Amino acid sequence: MGTSHTAEADLSRTVLAARLAAIPGSAEAEEHGDALWIVAPQLDVEAMAREMTALGCRLITMTGLAREDAETTIIYHYCLRQQYVSFKTCTRGGAIASITPTLRMASWIEREIHDFFGVQFVGHPNLVPLLRPPGLKDGFFREAGPRSTPPEQD
């Protein structure tokens, strides 16, 4: 009985991976621990959000990471029962499509990433500051802070 349950789980994971790879701009899923990771710089995030919703996946959170080329890596983290899926993509020209019209819960996360990294989420219905204190400009996490230099050796 344990074997058929494992085969069912593997088949489900295989079917899931195939569906994820079919999203426009997606790539083949790679397994990392208990999660599937898709690294897809040209990912159509609106199509991703629609497909993940159709699959019954829940958006857990999103991560923004500043890149040296002034773009931002965006990672979308989803859960489907006991399976985790993460899509890693990046902004182009400092912007990426908003998934808020499909997944309302993405609204606050997109606003937070906008505050911290200055990402323009195209199509977001209300991209107003969420956490940014008055007086700080969009993307304040991108600004270089004071650099510490080691003391001169005698």
Protein backbone atom coordinates (compact mmCIF):
# COMPACT_ATOMS: atom_id res chain seq x y z
CA MET A 1 0.00 0.00 0.00
CA GLY A 2 2.87 2.42 0.79
CA THR A 3 4.30 1.88 -2.70
CA SER A 4 1.14 2.94 -4.56
CA HIS A 5 0.85 6.05 -2.37
CA THR A 6 4.45 6.94 -3.25
CA ALA A 7 3.78 6.30 -6.96
CA GLU A 8 0.70 8.54 -6.74
CA ALA A 9 2.75 11.30 -5.11
CA ASP A 10 5.50 10.93 -7.74
CA LEU A 11 2.96 11.01 -10.58
CA SER A 12 1.34 14.07 -9.06
CA ARG A 13 4.73 15.77 -8.79
CA THR A 14 5.56 14.78 -12.38
CA VAL A 15 2.26 16.13 -13.69
CA LEU A 16 2.74 19.31 -11.63
CA ALA A 17 6.25 19.81 -13.02
CA ALA A 18 4.94 19.37 -16.59
CA ARG A 19 2.16 21.92 -16.03
CA LEU A 20 4.65 24.40 -14.55
CA ALA A 21 7.03 23.99 -17.50
CA ALA A 22 4.14 24.81 -19.88
CA ILE A 23 3.67 28.33 -18.42
CA PRO A 24 4.91 30.90 -20.98
CA GLY A 25 8.51 31.87 -20.27
CA SER A 26 8.87 29.08 -17.72
CA ALA A 27 11.63 26.48 -17.55
CA GLU A 28 11.98 22.91 -16.39
CA ALA A 29 11.43 22.49 -12.66
CA GLU A 30 14.39 21.40 -10.56
CA GLU A 31 13.98 19.57 -7.28
CA HIS A 32 15.66 21.13 -4.26
CA GLY A 33 14.76 19.25 -1.10
CA ASP A 34 10.97 19.14 -0.81
CA ALA A 35 10.45 21.96 -3.30
CA LEU A 36 10.31 22.44 -7.05
CA TRP A 37 12.25 25.49 -8.27
CA ILE A 38 11.78 27.14 -11.63
CA VAL A 39 14.39 29.70 -12.66
CA ALA A 40 12.85 31.65 -15.54
CA PRO A 41 14.09 35.19 -16.24
CA GLN A 42 11.43 35.69 -18.97
CA LEU A 43 8.52 34.23 -16.95
CA ASP A 44 5.03 35.50 -17.76
CA VAL A 45 4.04 36.09 -14.13
CA GLU A 46 0.39 36.78 -14.98
CA ALA A 47 0.14 33.37 -16.71
CA MET A 48 1.97 31.83 -13.74
CA ALA A 49 -0.56 33.30 -11.29
CA ARG A 50 -3.51 32.06 -13.37
CA GLU A 51 -2.05 28.55 -13.71
CA MET A 52 -1.13 28.28 -10.03
CA THR A 53 -4.66 29.39 -9.10
CA ALA A 54 -6.14 26.81 -11.50
CA LEU A 55 -3.98 24.13 -9.87
CA GLY A 56 -5.29 25.09 -6.42
CA CYS A 57 -1.93 26.44 -5.23
CA ARG A 58 -1.70 29.06 -2.52
CA LEU A 59 0.74 31.95 -2.75
CA ILE A 60 2.74 31.83 0.48
CA THR A 61 4.91 34.91 -0.04
CA MET A 62 7.22 36.69 -2.44
CA THR A 63 10.87 37.64 -2.01
CA GLY A 64 12.70 40.59 -3.55
CA LEU A 65 16.48 40.67 -3.89
CA ALA A 66 18.42 43.65 -5.25
CA ARG A 67 20.79 42.83 -8.09
CA GLU A 68 23.95 44.73 -9.04
CA ASP A 69 22.53 45.51 -12.50
CA ALA A 70 19.78 47.66 -10.88
CA GLU A 71 17.15 44.97 -11.50
CA THR A 72 15.41 42.97 -8.77
CA THR A 73 15.10 39.21 -8.47
CA ILE A 74 11.54 38.27 -7.55
CA ILE A 75 10.78 34.84 -6.11
CA TYR A 76 7.15 33.66 -5.90
CA HIS A 77 6.64 30.93 -3.27
CA TYR A 78 3.56 28.66 -3.59
CA CYS A 79 2.20 25.66 -1.72
CA LEU A 80 -0.03 22.85 -2.98
CA ARG A 81 -0.87 20.54 -0.10
CA GLN A 82 2.57 19.22 0.95
CA GLN A 83 4.37 20.38 -2.20
CA TYR A 84 6.22 23.66 -2.48
CA VAL A 85 6.94 25.49 -5.71
CA SER A 86 9.11 28.58 -6.16
CA PHE A 87 9.49 30.62 -9.34
CA LYS A 88 12.58 32.82 -9.61
CA THR A 89 12.44 35.61 -12.18
CA CYS A 90 13.54 39.24 -12.41
CA THR A 91 12.35 42.68 -13.32
CA ARG A 92 13.04 44.17 -16.73
CA GLY A 93 13.66 47.90 -16.70
CA GLY A 94 12.76 47.96 -12.99
CA ALA A 95 9.24 46.65 -13.64
CA ILE A 96 7.26 43.42 -13.70
CA ALA A 97 3.56 42.67 -14.12
CA SER A 98 1.46 42.65 -10.97
CA ILE A 99 -0.22 39.39 -10.00
CA THR A 100 -2.60 41.23 -7.64
CA PRO A 101 -5.45 41.28 -10.21
CA THR A 102 -5.38 37.43 -10.08
CA LEU A 103 -4.23 36.91 -6.48
CA ARG A 104 -5.46 39.71 -4.21
CA MET A 105 -3.25 38.58 -1.35
CA ALA A 106 -0.20 39.58 -3.43
CA SER A 107 -1.14 43.24 -3.03
CA TRP A 108 0.64 43.90 0.26
CA ILE A 109 3.71 41.88 -0.71
CA GLU A 110 4.05 43.78 -4.00
CA ARG A 111 3.65 47.08 -2.13
CA GLU A 112 6.36 46.03 0.33
CA ILE A 113 8.77 45.06 -2.47
CA HIS A 114 7.94 48.37 -4.17
CA ASP A 115 8.77 50.25 -0.96
CA PHE A 116 12.06 48.46 -0.39
CA PHE A 117 13.39 47.99 -3.93
CA GLY A 118 11.48 50.47 -6.11
CA VAL A 119 9.97 47.76 -8.31
CA GLN A 120 7.08 49.00 -10.46
CA PHE A 121 4.34 46.35 -10.42
CA VAL A 122 2.54 47.16 -13.67
CA GLY A 123 -1.22 46.84 -13.28
CA HIS A 124 -1.22 46.97 -9.48
CA PRO A 125 -4.48 48.72 -8.46
CA ASN A 126 -3.04 50.63 -5.47
CA LEU A 127 0.76 50.78 -5.38
CA VAL A 128 0.98 53.22 -2.47
CA PRO A 129 3.59 52.97 0.31
CA LEU A 130 2.92 50.23 2.82
CA LEU A 131 5.92 50.26 5.17
CA ARG A 132 8.10 53.08 3.91
CA PRO A 133 8.31 55.92 6.40
CA PRO A 134 7.55 59.40 5.05
CA GLY A 135 10.66 61.04 3.66
CA LEU A 136 12.25 57.86 2.31
CA LYS A 137 12.06 57.42 -1.43
CA ASP A 138 11.00 54.24 -3.28
CA GLY A 139 13.68 51.59 -3.24
CA PHE A 140 15.55 52.78 -0.18
CA PHE A 141 17.10 49.29 0.25
CA ARG A 142 19.05 49.92 -2.95
CA GLU A 143 20.97 52.89 -1.60
CA ALA A 144 24.51 52.26 -0.51
CA GLY A 145 25.01 52.72 3.18
CA PRO A 146 28.15 53.99 4.86
CA ARG A 147 31.05 51.72 4.11
CA SER A 148 33.33 50.72 6.88
CA THR A 149 36.96 50.50 6.03
CA PRO A 150 39.42 48.58 8.10
CA PRO A 151 41.83 50.69 10.13
CA GLU A 152 45.27 51.19 8.59
CA GLN A 153 47.88 48.72 9.73
CA ASP A 154 50.89 50.24 11.54
